[in-house]
PDB file of N, CA and C in Angstrom:
ATOM      1  N   MET A   1     -28.470 -19.370 -15.443  1.00  0.00           N
ATOM      2  CA  MET A   1     -28.418 -17.947 -15.180  1.00  0.00           C
ATOM      3  C   MET A   1     -29.837 -17.406 -15.080  1.00  0.00           C
ATOM      4  N   PHE A   2     -30.038 -16.509 -14.129  1.00  0.00           N
ATOM      5  CA  PHE A   2     -31.336 -15.882 -13.960  1.00  0.00           C
ATOM      6  C   PHE A   2     -31.573 -14.903 -15.096  1.00  0.00           C
ATOM      7  N   SER A   3     -32.791 -14.882 -15.590  1.00  0.00           N
ATOM      8  CA  SER A   3     -33.123 -13.941 -16.659  1.00  0.00           C
ATOM      9  C   SER A   3     -33.328 -12.543 -16.077  1.00  0.00           C
ATOM     10  N   HIS A   4     -33.266 -11.569 -16.945  1.00  0.00           N
ATOM     11  CA  HIS A   4     -33.492 -10.174 -16.560  1.00  0.00           C
ATOM     12  C   HIS A   4     -34.856 -10.034 -15.895  1.00  0.00           C
ATOM     13  N   ASP A   5     -35.882 -10.688 -16.467  1.00  0.00           N
ATOM     14  CA  ASP A   5     -37.240 -10.602 -15.922  1.00  0.00           C
ATOM     15  C   ASP A   5     -37.337 -11.244 -14.540  1.00  0.00           C
ATOM     16  N   GLU A   6     -36.648 -12.377 -14.336  1.00  0.00           N
ATOM     17  CA  GLU A   6     -36.689 -13.046 -13.030  1.00  0.00           C
ATOM     18  C   GLU A   6     -36.062 -12.174 -11.936  1.00  0.00           C
ATOM     19  N   VAL A   7     -34.921 -11.583 -12.242  1.00  0.00           N
ATOM     20  CA  VAL A   7     -34.257 -10.725 -11.262  1.00  0.00           C
ATOM     21  C   VAL A   7     -35.098  -9.468 -11.017  1.00  0.00           C
ATOM     22  N   SER A   8     -35.684  -8.916 -12.046  1.00  0.00           N
ATOM     23  CA  SER A   8     -36.551  -7.744 -11.885  1.00  0.00           C
ATOM     24  C   SER A   8     -37.742  -8.067 -10.998  1.00  0.00           C
ATOM     25  N   ARG A   9     -38.316  -9.247 -11.191  1.00  0.00           N
ATOM     26  CA  ARG A   9     -39.455  -9.661 -10.367  1.00  0.00           C
ATOM     27  C   ARG A   9     -39.040  -9.823  -8.910  1.00  0.00           C
ATOM     28  N   LEU A  10     -37.893 -10.452  -8.667  1.00  0.00           N
ATOM     29  CA  LEU A  10     -37.396 -10.600  -7.301  1.00  0.00           C
ATOM     30  C   LEU A  10     -37.133  -9.236  -6.668  1.00  0.00           C
ATOM     31  N   ALA A  11     -36.602  -8.326  -7.449  1.00  0.00           N
ATOM     32  CA  ALA A  11     -36.324  -6.977  -6.943  1.00  0.00           C
ATOM     33  C   ALA A  11     -37.628  -6.275  -6.563  1.00  0.00           C
ATOM     34  N   ARG A  12     -38.638  -6.420  -7.391  1.00  0.00           N
ATOM     35  CA  ARG A  12     -39.934  -5.804  -7.071  1.00  0.00           C
ATOM     36  C   ARG A  12     -40.507  -6.389  -5.787  1.00  0.00           C
ATOM     37  N   LEU A  13     -40.404  -7.715  -5.630  1.00  0.00           N
ATOM     38  CA  LEU A  13     -40.915  -8.365  -4.423  1.00  0.00           C
ATOM     39  C   LEU A  13     -40.176  -7.875  -3.178  1.00  0.00           C
ATOM     40  N   ALA A  14     -38.894  -7.584  -3.322  1.00  0.00           N
ATOM     41  CA  ALA A  14     -38.080  -7.091  -2.209  1.00  0.00           C
ATOM     42  C   ALA A  14     -38.145  -5.563  -2.105  1.00  0.00           C
ATOM     43  N   ARG A  15     -38.939  -4.955  -2.971  1.00  0.00           N
ATOM     44  CA  ARG A  15     -39.088  -3.495  -3.008  1.00  0.00           C
ATOM     45  C   ARG A  15     -37.748  -2.799  -3.223  1.00  0.00           C
ATOM     46  N   LEU A  16     -36.990  -3.328  -4.180  1.00  0.00           N
ATOM     47  CA  LEU A  16     -35.702  -2.746  -4.549  1.00  0.00           C
ATOM     48  C   LEU A  16     -35.808  -2.126  -5.932  1.00  0.00           C
ATOM     49  N   GLU A  17     -35.200  -0.988  -6.104  1.00  0.00           N
ATOM     50  CA  GLU A  17     -35.102  -0.378  -7.420  1.00  0.00           C
ATOM     51  C   GLU A  17     -33.681  -0.625  -7.921  1.00  0.00           C
ATOM     52  N   LEU A  18     -33.549  -1.416  -8.979  1.00  0.00           N
ATOM     53  CA  LEU A  18     -32.236  -1.776  -9.497  1.00  0.00           C
ATOM     54  C   LEU A  18     -32.041  -1.236 -10.901  1.00  0.00           C
ATOM     55  N   SER A  19     -30.817  -0.841 -11.173  1.00  0.00           N
ATOM     56  CA  SER A  19     -30.467  -0.421 -12.529  1.00  0.00           C
ATOM     57  C   SER A  19     -30.265  -1.683 -13.374  1.00  0.00           C
ATOM     58  N   GLY A  20     -30.173  -1.497 -14.669  1.00  0.00           N
ATOM     59  CA  GLY A  20     -29.928  -2.635 -15.560  1.00  0.00           C
ATOM     60  C   GLY A  20     -28.624  -3.341 -15.226  1.00  0.00           C
ATOM     61  N   GLU A  21     -27.607  -2.559 -14.882  1.00  0.00           N
ATOM     62  CA  GLU A  21     -26.306  -3.135 -14.511  1.00  0.00           C
ATOM     63  C   GLU A  21     -26.419  -3.954 -13.226  1.00  0.00           C
ATOM     64  N   GLU A  22     -27.164  -3.444 -12.262  1.00  0.00           N
ATOM     65  CA  GLU A  22     -27.350  -4.166 -11.000  1.00  0.00           C
ATOM     66  C   GLU A  22     -28.145  -5.449 -11.209  1.00  0.00           C
ATOM     67  N   ILE A  23     -29.118  -5.415 -12.108  1.00  0.00           N
ATOM     68  CA  ILE A  23     -29.909  -6.609 -12.403  1.00  0.00           C
ATOM     69  C   ILE A  23     -29.007  -7.699 -12.968  1.00  0.00           C
ATOM     70  N   GLU A  24     -28.118  -7.330 -13.873  1.00  0.00           N
ATOM     71  CA  GLU A  24     -27.185  -8.307 -14.441  1.00  0.00           C
ATOM     72  C   GLU A  24     -26.254  -8.860 -13.360  1.00  0.00           C
ATOM     73  N   LEU A  25     -25.712  -7.974 -12.523  1.00  0.00           N
ATOM     74  CA  LEU A  25     -24.801  -8.382 -11.454  1.00  0.00           C
ATOM     75  C   LEU A  25     -25.518  -9.311 -10.473  1.00  0.00           C
ATOM     76  N   PHE A  26     -26.705  -8.928 -10.021  1.00  0.00           N
ATOM     77  CA  PHE A  26     -27.428  -9.748  -9.061  1.00  0.00           C
ATOM     78  C   PHE A  26     -27.839 -11.076  -9.669  1.00  0.00           C
ATOM     79  N   GLY A  27     -28.136 -11.092 -10.952  1.00  0.00           N
ATOM     80  CA  GLY A  27     -28.465 -12.356 -11.623  1.00  0.00           C
ATOM     81  C   GLY A  27     -27.294 -13.326 -11.556  1.00  0.00           C
ATOM     82  N   ARG A  28     -26.087 -12.815 -11.828  1.00  0.00           N
ATOM     83  CA  ARG A  28     -24.885 -13.666 -11.736  1.00  0.00           C
ATOM     84  C   ARG A  28     -24.649 -14.122 -10.299  1.00  0.00           C
ATOM     85  N   GLN A  29     -24.833 -13.204  -9.348  1.00  0.00           N
ATOM     86  CA  GLN A  29     -24.619 -13.553  -7.945  1.00  0.00           C
ATOM     87  C   GLN A  29     -25.624 -14.598  -7.457  1.00  0.00           C
ATOM     88  N   LEU A  30     -26.884 -14.448  -7.853  1.00  0.00           N
ATOM     89  CA  LEU A  30     -27.893 -15.440  -7.482  1.00  0.00           C
ATOM     90  C   LEU A  30     -27.565 -16.805  -8.069  1.00  0.00           C
ATOM     91  N   ASP A  31     -27.091 -16.797  -9.297  1.00  0.00           N
ATOM     92  CA  ASP A  31     -26.696 -18.050  -9.939  1.00  0.00           C
ATOM     93  C   ASP A  31     -25.531 -18.701  -9.183  1.00  0.00           C
ATOM     94  N   ASP A  32     -24.557 -17.893  -8.762  1.00  0.00           N
ATOM     95  CA  ASP A  32     -23.426 -18.412  -7.980  1.00  0.00           C
ATOM     96  C   ASP A  32     -23.897 -19.006  -6.659  1.00  0.00           C
ATOM     97  N   ILE A  33     -24.837 -18.342  -6.010  1.00  0.00           N
ATOM     98  CA  ILE A  33     -25.364 -18.835  -4.729  1.00  0.00           C
ATOM     99  C   ILE A  33     -26.051 -20.180  -4.921  1.00  0.00           C
ATOM    100  N   LEU A  34     -26.877 -20.289  -5.953  1.00  0.00           N
ATOM    101  CA  LEU A  34     -27.577 -21.550  -6.196  1.00  0.00           C
ATOM    102  C   LEU A  34     -26.615 -22.659  -6.607  1.00  0.00           C
ATOM    103  N   THR A  35     -25.577 -22.322  -7.336  1.00  0.00           N
ATOM    104  CA  THR A  35     -24.566 -23.317  -7.701  1.00  0.00           C
ATOM    105  C   THR A  35     -23.892 -23.849  -6.443  1.00  0.00           C
ATOM    106  N   PHE A  36     -23.535 -22.957  -5.514  1.00  0.00           N
ATOM    107  CA  PHE A  36     -22.923 -23.385  -4.260  1.00  0.00           C
ATOM    108  C   PHE A  36     -23.897 -24.223  -3.441  1.00  0.00           C
ATOM    109  N   ALA A  37     -25.167 -23.830  -3.400  1.00  0.00           N
ATOM    110  CA  ALA A  37     -26.172 -24.596  -2.650  1.00  0.00           C
ATOM    111  C   ALA A  37     -26.303 -26.005  -3.220  1.00  0.00           C
ATOM    112  N   ARG A  38     -26.232 -26.140  -4.534  1.00  0.00           N
ATOM    113  CA  ARG A  38     -26.296 -27.471  -5.146  1.00  0.00           C
ATOM    114  C   ARG A  38     -25.079 -28.309  -4.754  1.00  0.00           C
ATOM    115  N   GLN A  39     -23.911 -27.669  -4.657  1.00  0.00           N
ATOM    116  CA  GLN A  39     -22.704 -28.385  -4.228  1.00  0.00           C
ATOM    117  C   GLN A  39     -22.850 -28.862  -2.786  1.00  0.00           C
ATOM    118  N   VAL A  40     -23.378 -28.021  -1.922  1.00  0.00           N
ATOM    119  CA  VAL A  40     -23.584 -28.396  -0.521  1.00  0.00           C
ATOM    120  C   VAL A  40     -24.610 -29.521  -0.436  1.00  0.00           C
ATOM    121  N   GLU A  41     -25.654 -29.427  -1.236  1.00  0.00           N
ATOM    122  CA  GLU A  41     -26.701 -30.441  -1.238  1.00  0.00           C
ATOM    123  C   GLU A  41     -26.161 -31.800  -1.681  1.00  0.00           C
ATOM    124  N   ALA A  42     -25.143 -31.791  -2.533  1.00  0.00           N
ATOM    125  CA  ALA A  42     -24.588 -33.034  -3.062  1.00  0.00           C
ATOM    126  C   ALA A  42     -23.646 -33.737  -2.081  1.00  0.00           C
ATOM    127  N   VAL A  43     -23.268 -33.083  -0.990  1.00  0.00           N
ATOM    128  CA  VAL A  43     -22.352 -33.686  -0.016  1.00  0.00           C
ATOM    129  C   VAL A  43     -23.028 -34.867   0.656  1.00  0.00           C
ATOM    130  N   ASP A  44     -22.301 -35.984   0.738  1.00  0.00           N
ATOM    131  CA  ASP A  44     -22.825 -37.189   1.375  1.00  0.00           C
ATOM    132  C   ASP A  44     -22.796 -37.013   2.893  1.00  0.00           C
ATOM    133  N   THR A  45     -23.964 -36.950   3.511  1.00  0.00           N
ATOM    134  CA  THR A  45     -24.062 -36.802   4.963  1.00  0.00           C
ATOM    135  C   THR A  45     -24.597 -38.065   5.626  1.00  0.00           C
ATOM    136  N   SER A  46     -24.563 -39.168   4.896  1.00  0.00           N
ATOM    137  CA  SER A  46     -25.117 -40.412   5.457  1.00  0.00           C
ATOM    138  C   SER A  46     -24.355 -40.872   6.699  1.00  0.00           C
ATOM    139  N   GLY A  47     -23.084 -40.505   6.838  1.00  0.00           N
ATOM    140  CA  GLY A  47     -22.311 -40.916   8.002  1.00  0.00           C
ATOM    141  C   GLY A  47     -22.398 -39.956   9.172  1.00  0.00           C
ATOM    142  N   VAL A  48     -23.182 -38.895   9.041  1.00  0.00           N
ATOM    143  CA  VAL A  48     -23.296 -37.910  10.112  1.00  0.00           C
ATOM    144  C   VAL A  48     -24.369 -38.376  11.081  1.00  0.00           C
ATOM    145  N   THR A  49     -24.007 -38.462  12.353  1.00  0.00           N
ATOM    146  CA  THR A  49     -24.983 -38.909  13.353  1.00  0.00           C
ATOM    147  C   THR A  49     -25.799 -37.731  13.845  1.00  0.00           C
ATOM    148  N   ALA A  50     -26.969 -38.016  14.350  1.00  0.00           N
ATOM    149  CA  ALA A  50     -27.881 -36.980  14.811  1.00  0.00           C
ATOM    150  C   ALA A  50     -27.292 -36.173  15.962  1.00  0.00           C
ATOM    151  N   ALA A  51     -26.430 -36.756  16.761  1.00  0.00           N
ATOM    152  CA  ALA A  51     -25.857 -36.055  17.917  1.00  0.00           C
ATOM    153  C   ALA A  51     -24.995 -34.873  17.488  1.00  0.00           C
ATOM    154  N   THR A  52     -24.477 -34.898  16.271  1.00  0.00           N
ATOM    155  CA  THR A  52     -23.634 -33.789  15.826  1.00  0.00           C
ATOM    156  C   THR A  52     -24.456 -32.664  15.197  1.00  0.00           C
ATOM    157  N   LEU A  53     -25.760 -32.836  15.118  1.00  0.00           N
ATOM    158  CA  LEU A  53     -26.602 -31.830  14.488  1.00  0.00           C
ATOM    159  C   LEU A  53     -27.099 -30.779  15.473  1.00  0.00           C
ATOM    160  N   GLY A  54     -26.830 -30.950  16.751  1.00  0.00           N
ATOM    161  CA  GLY A  54     -27.302 -29.993  17.746  1.00  0.00           C
ATOM    162  C   GLY A  54     -26.655 -30.266  19.084  1.00  0.00           C
ATOM    163  N   PRO A  55     -27.115 -29.575  20.127  1.00  0.00           N
ATOM    164  CA  PRO A  55     -26.528 -29.788  21.440  1.00  0.00           C
ATOM    165  C   PRO A  55     -26.798 -31.200  21.948  1.00  0.00           C
ATOM    166  N   ASP A  56     -25.869 -31.695  22.695  1.00  0.00           N
ATOM    167  CA  ASP A  56     -25.997 -33.024  23.281  1.00  0.00           C
ATOM    168  C   ASP A  56     -26.911 -32.925  24.504  1.00  0.00           C
ATOM    169  N   PRO A  57     -28.048 -33.636  24.506  1.00  0.00           N
ATOM    170  CA  PRO A  57     -28.966 -33.538  25.640  1.00  0.00           C
ATOM    171  C   PRO A  57     -28.319 -33.946  26.966  1.00  0.00           C
ATOM    172  N   ALA A  58     -27.300 -34.798  26.910  1.00  0.00           N
ATOM    173  CA  ALA A  58     -26.643 -35.237  28.138  1.00  0.00           C
ATOM    174  C   ALA A  58     -25.851 -34.110  28.780  1.00  0.00           C
ATOM    175  N   THR A  59     -25.427 -33.130  27.985  1.00  0.00           N
ATOM    176  CA  THR A  59     -24.647 -32.024  28.541  1.00  0.00           C
ATOM    177  C   THR A  59     -25.436 -30.719  28.540  1.00  0.00           C
ATOM    178  N   ASP A  60     -26.747 -30.813  28.366  1.00  0.00           N
ATOM    179  CA  ASP A  60     -27.590 -29.629  28.372  1.00  0.00           C
ATOM    180  C   ASP A  60     -27.554 -29.003  29.766  1.00  0.00           C
ATOM    181  N   THR A  61     -27.128 -27.767  29.859  1.00  0.00           N
ATOM    182  CA  THR A  61     -26.966 -27.124  31.167  1.00  0.00           C
ATOM    183  C   THR A  61     -28.028 -26.062  31.435  1.00  0.00           C
ATOM    184  N   LEU A  62     -29.111 -26.073  30.685  1.00  0.00           N
ATOM    185  CA  LEU A  62     -30.168 -25.097  30.921  1.00  0.00           C
ATOM    186  C   LEU A  62     -30.892 -25.431  32.221  1.00  0.00           C
ATOM    187  N   ARG A  63     -31.283 -24.409  32.936  1.00  0.00           N
ATOM    188  CA  ARG A  63     -31.991 -24.626  34.196  1.00  0.00           C
ATOM    189  C   ARG A  63     -33.464 -24.892  33.914  1.00  0.00           C
ATOM    190  N   ASP A  64     -34.157 -25.431  34.900  1.00  0.00           N
ATOM    191  CA  ASP A  64     -35.593 -25.646  34.774  1.00  0.00           C
ATOM    192  C   ASP A  64     -36.298 -24.298  34.711  1.00  0.00           C
ATOM    193  N   ASP A  65     -37.387 -24.235  33.979  1.00  0.00           N
ATOM    194  CA  ASP A  65     -38.167 -23.017  33.855  1.00  0.00           C
ATOM    195  C   ASP A  65     -39.128 -22.946  35.041  1.00  0.00           C
ATOM    196  N   VAL A  66     -38.729 -22.199  36.048  1.00  0.00           N
ATOM    197  CA  VAL A  66     -39.517 -22.103  37.275  1.00  0.00           C
ATOM    198  C   VAL A  66     -39.895 -20.640  37.490  1.00  0.00           C
ATOM    199  N   ALA A  67     -41.172 -20.405  37.756  1.00  0.00           N
ATOM    200  CA  ALA A  67     -41.633 -19.046  38.005  1.00  0.00           C
ATOM    201  C   ALA A  67     -41.024 -18.532  39.294  1.00  0.00           C
ATOM    202  N   GLY A  68     -40.592 -17.291  39.265  1.00  0.00           N
ATOM    203  CA  GLY A  68     -40.015 -16.674  40.451  1.00  0.00           C
ATOM    204  C   GLY A  68     -40.748 -15.393  40.784  1.00  0.00           C
ATOM    205  N   GLY A  69     -40.260 -14.705  41.750  1.00  0.00           N
ATOM    206  CA  GLY A  69     -40.865 -13.446  42.140  1.00  0.00           C
ATOM    207  C   GLY A  69     -40.677 -12.394  41.065  1.00  0.00           C
ATOM    208  N   SER A  70     -41.536 -11.398  41.079  1.00  0.00           N
ATOM    209  CA  SER A  70     -41.416 -10.329  40.097  1.00  0.00           C
ATOM    210  C   SER A  70     -41.276  -8.990  40.806  1.00  0.00           C
ATOM    211  N   LEU A  71     -40.863  -8.014  40.057  1.00  0.00           N
ATOM    212  CA  LEU A  71     -40.671  -6.671  40.566  1.00  0.00           C
ATOM    213  C   LEU A  71     -42.029  -5.983  40.647  1.00  0.00           C
ATOM    214  N   GLY A  72     -42.361  -5.411  41.766  1.00  0.00           N
ATOM    215  CA  GLY A  72     -43.633  -4.707  41.905  1.00  0.00           C
ATOM    216  C   GLY A  72     -43.648  -3.445  41.062  1.00  0.00           C
ATOM    217  N   SER A  73     -44.839  -3.007  40.649  1.00  0.00           N
ATOM    218  CA  SER A  73     -44.922  -1.833  39.770  1.00  0.00           C
ATOM    219  C   SER A  73     -44.421  -0.571  40.465  1.00  0.00           C
ATOM    220  N   ASP A  74     -44.662  -0.427  41.766  1.00  0.00           N
ATOM    221  CA  ASP A  74     -44.163   0.758  42.477  1.00  0.00           C
ATOM    222  C   ASP A  74     -42.638   0.809  42.447  1.00  0.00           C
ATOM    223  N   THR A  75     -42.000  -0.336  42.668  1.00  0.00           N
ATOM    224  CA  THR A  75     -40.541  -0.406  42.656  1.00  0.00           C
ATOM    225  C   THR A  75     -40.005  -0.113  41.255  1.00  0.00           C
ATOM    226  N   ALA A  76     -40.638  -0.701  40.242  1.00  0.00           N
ATOM    227  CA  ALA A  76     -40.191  -0.488  38.867  1.00  0.00           C
ATOM    228  C   ALA A  76     -40.338   0.973  38.468  1.00  0.00           C
ATOM    229  N   LEU A  77     -41.486   1.567  38.786  1.00  0.00           N
ATOM    230  CA  LEU A  77     -41.720   2.973  38.435  1.00  0.00           C
ATOM    231  C   LEU A  77     -40.778   3.903  39.189  1.00  0.00           C
ATOM    232  N   ALA A  78     -40.421   3.536  40.404  1.00  0.00           N
ATOM    233  CA  ALA A  78     -39.516   4.369  41.191  1.00  0.00           C
ATOM    234  C   ALA A  78     -38.125   4.411  40.570  1.00  0.00           C
ATOM    235  N   GLN A  79     -37.773   3.380  39.813  1.00  0.00           N
ATOM    236  CA  GLN A  79     -36.447   3.305  39.200  1.00  0.00           C
ATOM    237  C   GLN A  79     -36.424   3.843  37.767  1.00  0.00           C
ATOM    238  N   ALA A  80     -37.585   4.208  37.248  1.00  0.00           N
ATOM    239  CA  ALA A  80     -37.668   4.713  35.877  1.00  0.00           C
ATOM    240  C   ALA A  80     -37.586   6.234  35.903  1.00  0.00           C
ATOM    241  N   PRO A  81     -36.627   6.827  35.199  1.00  0.00           N
ATOM    242  CA  PRO A  81     -36.420   8.270  35.274  1.00  0.00           C
ATOM    243  C   PRO A  81     -37.602   9.102  34.789  1.00  0.00           C
ATOM    244  N   ALA A  82     -38.354   8.627  33.810  1.00  0.00           N
ATOM    245  CA  ALA A  82     -39.438   9.447  33.261  1.00  0.00           C
ATOM    246  C   ALA A  82     -40.796   8.775  33.450  1.00  0.00           C
ATOM    247  N   ALA A  83     -40.958   8.038  34.542  1.00  0.00           N
ATOM    248  CA  ALA A  83     -42.224   7.340  34.760  1.00  0.00           C
ATOM    249  C   ALA A  83     -43.305   8.316  35.185  1.00  0.00           C
ATOM    250  N   ASP A  84     -44.535   7.997  34.793  1.00  0.00           N
ATOM    251  CA  ASP A  84     -45.692   8.768  35.241  1.00  0.00           C
ATOM    252  C   ASP A  84     -46.340   7.936  36.344  1.00  0.00           C
ATOM    253  N   ARG A  85     -45.980   8.235  37.560  1.00  0.00           N
ATOM    254  CA  ARG A  85     -46.436   7.421  38.687  1.00  0.00           C
ATOM    255  C   ARG A  85     -47.944   7.513  38.891  1.00  0.00           C
ATOM    256  N   ALA A  86     -48.548   8.628  38.502  1.00  0.00           N
ATOM    257  CA  ALA A  86     -49.993   8.810  38.669  1.00  0.00           C
ATOM    258  C   ALA A  86     -50.783   7.810  37.830  1.00  0.00           C
ATOM    259  N   THR A  87     -50.278   7.536  36.606  1.00  0.00           N
ATOM    260  CA  THR A  87     -50.988   6.591  35.728  1.00  0.00           C
ATOM    261  C   THR A  87     -50.378   5.196  35.768  1.00  0.00           C
ATOM    262  N   GLY A  88     -49.183   5.081  36.374  1.00  0.00           N
ATOM    263  CA  GLY A  88     -48.527   3.784  36.432  1.00  0.00           C
ATOM    264  C   GLY A  88     -47.896   3.379  35.119  1.00  0.00           C
ATOM    265  N   LEU A  89     -47.523   4.377  34.299  1.00  0.00           N
ATOM    266  CA  LEU A  89     -46.968   4.095  32.985  1.00  0.00           C
ATOM    267  C   LEU A  89     -45.521   4.580  32.874  1.00  0.00           C
ATOM    268  N   PHE A  90     -44.774   3.921  32.001  1.00  0.00           N
ATOM    269  CA  PHE A  90     -43.407   4.334  31.695  1.00  0.00           C
ATOM    270  C   PHE A  90     -43.462   5.270  30.500  1.00  0.00           C
ATOM    271  N   LYS A  91     -42.641   6.281  30.500  1.00  0.00           N
ATOM    272  CA  LYS A  91     -42.506   7.168  29.336  1.00  0.00           C
ATOM    273  C   LYS A  91     -41.208   6.796  28.651  1.00  0.00           C
ATOM    274  N   VAL A  92     -41.289   6.549  27.369  1.00  0.00           N
ATOM    275  CA  VAL A  92     -40.097   6.192  26.602  1.00  0.00           C
ATOM    276  C   VAL A  92     -39.997   7.102  25.392  1.00  0.00           C
ATOM    277  N   PRO A  93     -38.792   7.356  24.914  1.00  0.00           N
ATOM    278  CA  PRO A  93     -38.651   8.206  23.727  1.00  0.00           C
ATOM    279  C   PRO A  93     -39.188   7.474  22.490  1.00  0.00           C
ATOM    280  N   PRO A  94     -39.654   8.226  21.508  1.00  0.00           N
ATOM    281  CA  PRO A  94     -40.133   7.578  20.270  1.00  0.00           C
ATOM    282  C   PRO A  94     -38.973   6.887  19.557  1.00  0.00           C
ATOM    283  N   VAL A  95     -39.282   5.751  18.933  1.00  0.00           N
ATOM    284  CA  VAL A  95     -38.253   5.000  18.225  1.00  0.00           C
ATOM    285  C   VAL A  95     -38.407   5.118  16.718  1.00  0.00           C
ATOM    286  N   LEU A  96     -39.528   5.600  16.248  1.00  0.00           N
ATOM    287  CA  LEU A  96     -39.757   5.773  14.817  1.00  0.00           C
ATOM    288  C   LEU A  96     -40.033   7.237  14.539  1.00  0.00           C
ATOM    289  N   ASN A  97     -39.455   7.728  13.489  1.00  0.00           N
ATOM    290  CA  ASN A  97     -39.711   9.101  13.091  1.00  0.00           C
ATOM    291  C   ASN A  97     -40.729   9.140  11.967  1.00  0.00           C
ATOM    292  N   GLY A  98     -41.694   9.996  12.092  1.00  0.00           N
ATOM    293  CA  GLY A  98     -42.632  10.265  11.013  1.00  0.00           C
ATOM    294  C   GLY A  98     -43.633   9.236  10.881  1.00  0.00           C
TER     295      GLY A  98
END
């Protein structure tokens, strides 16, 4: 079981403010997660072949990475509703407040 101090330290690192009750709850939950991870780690995977660990290269259907034509800036700016054509820049709404 995680100690109160260990969970408090993890909370500080994650910039979380936790109550005493939450620290106890998260300590139990972290312990449960690590117990499950140990169970998964103990599974015998010696019979698992490498081909089952990812996509089969023989059936890889990705296309070759070939450079193609690009959209000219005049065309792109003409399609942008709030473009500043004089400066060649796109205007976008702010995504962060404050």
